[in-house]
Amino acid sequence: MLNFIMNAAGFLLVTIVAVHSGVLHLRLNRLRAALAEAGRVLPSLDASVARMVDVAGGFSDRLQGDLAAVEARLAASRRVATELASVSRTADEAACQLDRLLRQHRRLEGARAGALPRELVEPKGFAERAGLPRIIPMGRSHEPAAAELASAGAA
């Protein structure tokens, strides 16, 4: 009986090894088929990878060119901004100067408008004796001044 058990155990082990060898053989055949198919696919995969590398290189070159153009435009914009700031400061200074001169002119005009005419300040006949020209008041024509001269000469 021990002999029978030993033979049955040996037969069982040989059967397990045979089944396992069959499974391994099947897997090995599938692996060979996959490798053969991969052998056909690998050149096209390699070509695809090469095309992708070329496309990525083209994108990189284009991006570098566009980046250089953007940096050049940015530098030009900075120069223009600096020039505009300088011109703006100059314009502000000119505006302040013009405003100051306008205020000064208005003060002088106000002082001139408020000043008394020379005839009212000087003694009568001083301008004629000194040979000074006759001053025609603003807003009057020459004829009333001539009539005034004639009336002053008669008196």
Protein backbone atom coordinates (compact mmCIF):
# COMPACT_ATOMS: atom_id res chain seq x y z
CA MET A 1 0.00 0.00 0.00
CA LEU A 2 2.84 2.35 0.70
CA ASN A 3 4.06 1.51 -2.71
CA PHE A 4 0.70 2.47 -4.19
CA ILE A 5 0.65 5.80 -2.34
CA MET A 6 4.16 6.55 -3.49
CA ASN A 7 3.29 5.74 -7.10
CA ALA A 8 0.13 7.84 -6.92
CA ALA A 9 2.07 10.77 -5.44
CA GLY A 10 4.76 10.42 -8.14
CA PHE A 11 2.11 10.21 -10.86
CA LEU A 12 0.40 13.29 -9.44
CA LEU A 13 3.68 15.21 -9.40
CA VAL A 14 4.53 14.16 -12.98
CA THR A 15 1.01 15.20 -14.09
CA ILE A 16 1.37 18.60 -12.38
CA VAL A 17 4.78 19.10 -14.01
CA ALA A 18 3.35 18.10 -17.43
CA VAL A 19 0.40 20.53 -17.10
CA HIS A 20 2.70 23.25 -15.91
CA SER A 21 5.07 22.56 -18.85
CA GLY A 22 2.08 22.79 -21.24
CA VAL A 23 1.03 26.13 -19.71
CA LEU A 24 4.60 27.42 -19.96
CA HIS A 25 4.81 26.22 -23.57
CA LEU A 26 1.57 28.04 -24.38
CA ARG A 27 2.81 31.24 -22.72
CA LEU A 28 6.14 30.95 -24.53
CA ASN A 29 4.35 30.67 -27.90
CA ARG A 30 2.26 33.75 -27.05
CA LEU A 31 5.42 35.62 -26.04
CA ARG A 32 7.09 34.70 -29.35
CA ALA A 33 4.01 35.90 -31.27
CA ALA A 34 3.99 39.17 -29.29
CA LEU A 35 7.71 39.68 -29.94
CA ALA A 36 7.21 39.04 -33.66
CA GLU A 37 4.38 41.56 -33.73
CA ALA A 38 6.44 44.02 -31.70
CA GLY A 39 9.25 43.54 -34.24
CA ARG A 40 6.88 44.74 -36.95
CA VAL A 41 5.55 47.64 -34.83
CA LEU A 42 8.87 48.87 -33.41
CA PRO A 43 10.15 50.53 -36.64
CA SER A 44 6.88 52.48 -37.04
CA LEU A 45 6.96 53.32 -33.34
CA ASP A 46 10.55 54.51 -33.71
CA ALA A 47 9.56 56.65 -36.72
CA SER A 48 6.65 58.11 -34.71
CA VAL A 49 8.96 58.95 -31.86
CA ALA A 50 11.41 60.61 -34.29
CA ARG A 51 8.54 62.68 -35.77
CA MET A 52 7.42 63.70 -32.29
CA VAL A 53 10.98 64.75 -31.43
CA ASP A 54 11.11 66.85 -34.64
CA VAL A 55 7.74 68.45 -33.87
CA ALA A 56 8.80 69.20 -30.30
CA GLY A 57 12.06 70.69 -31.60
CA GLY A 58 10.09 72.85 -34.06
CA PHE A 59 7.81 74.05 -31.26
CA SER A 60 10.85 74.81 -29.13
CA ASP A 61 12.53 76.80 -31.92
CA ARG A 62 9.34 78.70 -32.69
CA LEU A 63 8.79 79.41 -29.01
CA GLN A 64 12.36 80.71 -28.66
CA GLY A 65 11.86 83.00 -31.67
CA ASP A 66 8.53 84.29 -30.36
CA LEU A 67 10.03 84.80 -26.91
CA ALA A 68 12.88 86.83 -28.40
CA ALA A 69 10.36 88.95 -30.34
CA VAL A 70 8.31 89.53 -27.20
CA GLU A 71 11.41 90.54 -25.25
CA ALA A 72 12.41 92.97 -28.02
CA ARG A 73 8.93 94.51 -28.02
CA LEU A 74 8.99 94.71 -24.24
CA ALA A 75 12.32 96.51 -24.31
CA ALA A 76 11.01 98.91 -26.96
CA SER A 77 7.89 99.50 -24.88
CA ARG A 78 10.03 100.29 -21.84
CA ARG A 79 12.04 102.81 -23.88
CA VAL A 80 8.85 104.43 -25.17
CA ALA A 81 7.42 104.51 -21.63
CA THR A 82 10.58 106.24 -20.40
CA GLU A 83 10.41 108.76 -23.24
CA LEU A 84 6.71 109.37 -22.63
CA ALA A 85 7.34 109.93 -18.93
CA SER A 86 10.08 112.42 -19.79
CA VAL A 87 7.86 114.24 -22.31
CA SER A 88 4.99 114.23 -19.83
CA ARG A 89 7.20 115.77 -17.15
CA THR A 90 8.38 118.38 -19.64
CA ALA A 91 4.79 119.13 -20.65
CA ASP A 92 3.75 119.43 -17.00
CA GLU A 93 6.63 121.83 -16.36
CA ALA A 94 5.68 123.87 -19.45
CA ALA A 95 2.03 123.92 -18.32
CA CYS A 96 3.06 125.14 -14.87
CA GLN A 97 5.29 127.80 -16.42
CA LEU A 98 2.50 128.94 -18.77
CA ASP A 99 0.01 129.00 -15.91
CA ARG A 100 2.41 131.09 -13.82
CA LEU A 101 3.00 133.49 -16.74
CA LEU A 102 -0.77 133.72 -17.39
CA ARG A 103 -1.44 134.59 -13.75
CA GLN A 104 1.37 137.15 -13.86
CA HIS A 105 -0.02 138.64 -17.08
CA ARG A 106 -3.53 138.84 -15.61
CA ARG A 107 -2.17 140.65 -12.55
CA LEU A 108 -0.35 143.11 -14.82
CA GLU A 109 -3.46 143.59 -16.96
CA GLY A 110 -5.49 144.21 -13.83
CA ALA A 111 -2.94 146.74 -12.64
CA ARG A 112 -2.86 148.44 -16.05
CA ALA A 113 -6.65 148.53 -16.30
CA GLY A 114 -6.89 150.10 -12.87
CA ALA A 115 -4.21 152.74 -13.59
CA LEU A 116 -5.36 156.30 -14.15
CA PRO A 117 -4.82 157.85 -17.59
CA ARG A 118 -1.81 160.10 -17.94
CA GLU A 119 -3.93 163.18 -18.54
CA LEU A 120 -5.60 162.79 -15.17
CA VAL A 121 -2.31 162.41 -13.32
CA GLU A 122 -0.16 165.01 -15.05
CA PRO A 123 -0.80 168.73 -14.82
CA LYS A 124 -2.73 170.28 -17.71
CA GLY A 125 -0.60 171.00 -20.70
CA PHE A 126 2.42 169.02 -19.46
CA ALA A 127 2.28 166.49 -22.31
CA GLU A 128 2.05 169.30 -24.89
CA ARG A 129 4.89 171.24 -23.33
CA ALA A 130 7.07 168.12 -23.04
CA GLY A 131 6.24 167.10 -26.62
CA LEU A 132 4.72 163.79 -25.56
CA PRO A 133 2.21 162.16 -27.92
CA ARG A 134 -1.44 162.38 -27.09
CA ILE A 135 -2.87 159.27 -25.45
CA ILE A 136 -6.16 158.09 -26.89
CA PRO A 137 -8.28 156.40 -24.23
CA MET A 138 -9.33 152.78 -24.92
CA GLY A 139 -12.64 152.41 -26.70
CA ARG A 140 -12.65 155.92 -28.16
CA SER A 141 -12.06 156.77 -31.77
CA HIS A 142 -9.72 159.53 -32.98
CA GLU A 143 -12.45 162.10 -33.69
CA PRO A 144 -13.70 162.56 -30.14
CA ALA A 145 -10.08 162.97 -29.08
CA ALA A 146 -9.61 165.58 -31.81
CA ALA A 147 -12.76 167.38 -30.64
CA GLU A 148 -11.44 167.24 -27.09
CA LEU A 149 -8.13 168.73 -28.29
CA ALA A 150 -9.93 171.48 -30.07
CA SER A 151 -12.03 172.29 -27.02
CA ALA A 152 -8.94 172.23 -24.80
CA GLY A 153 -7.12 174.56 -27.23
CA ALA A 154 -10.06 177.03 -27.22
CA ALA A 155 -10.14 177.17 -23.46
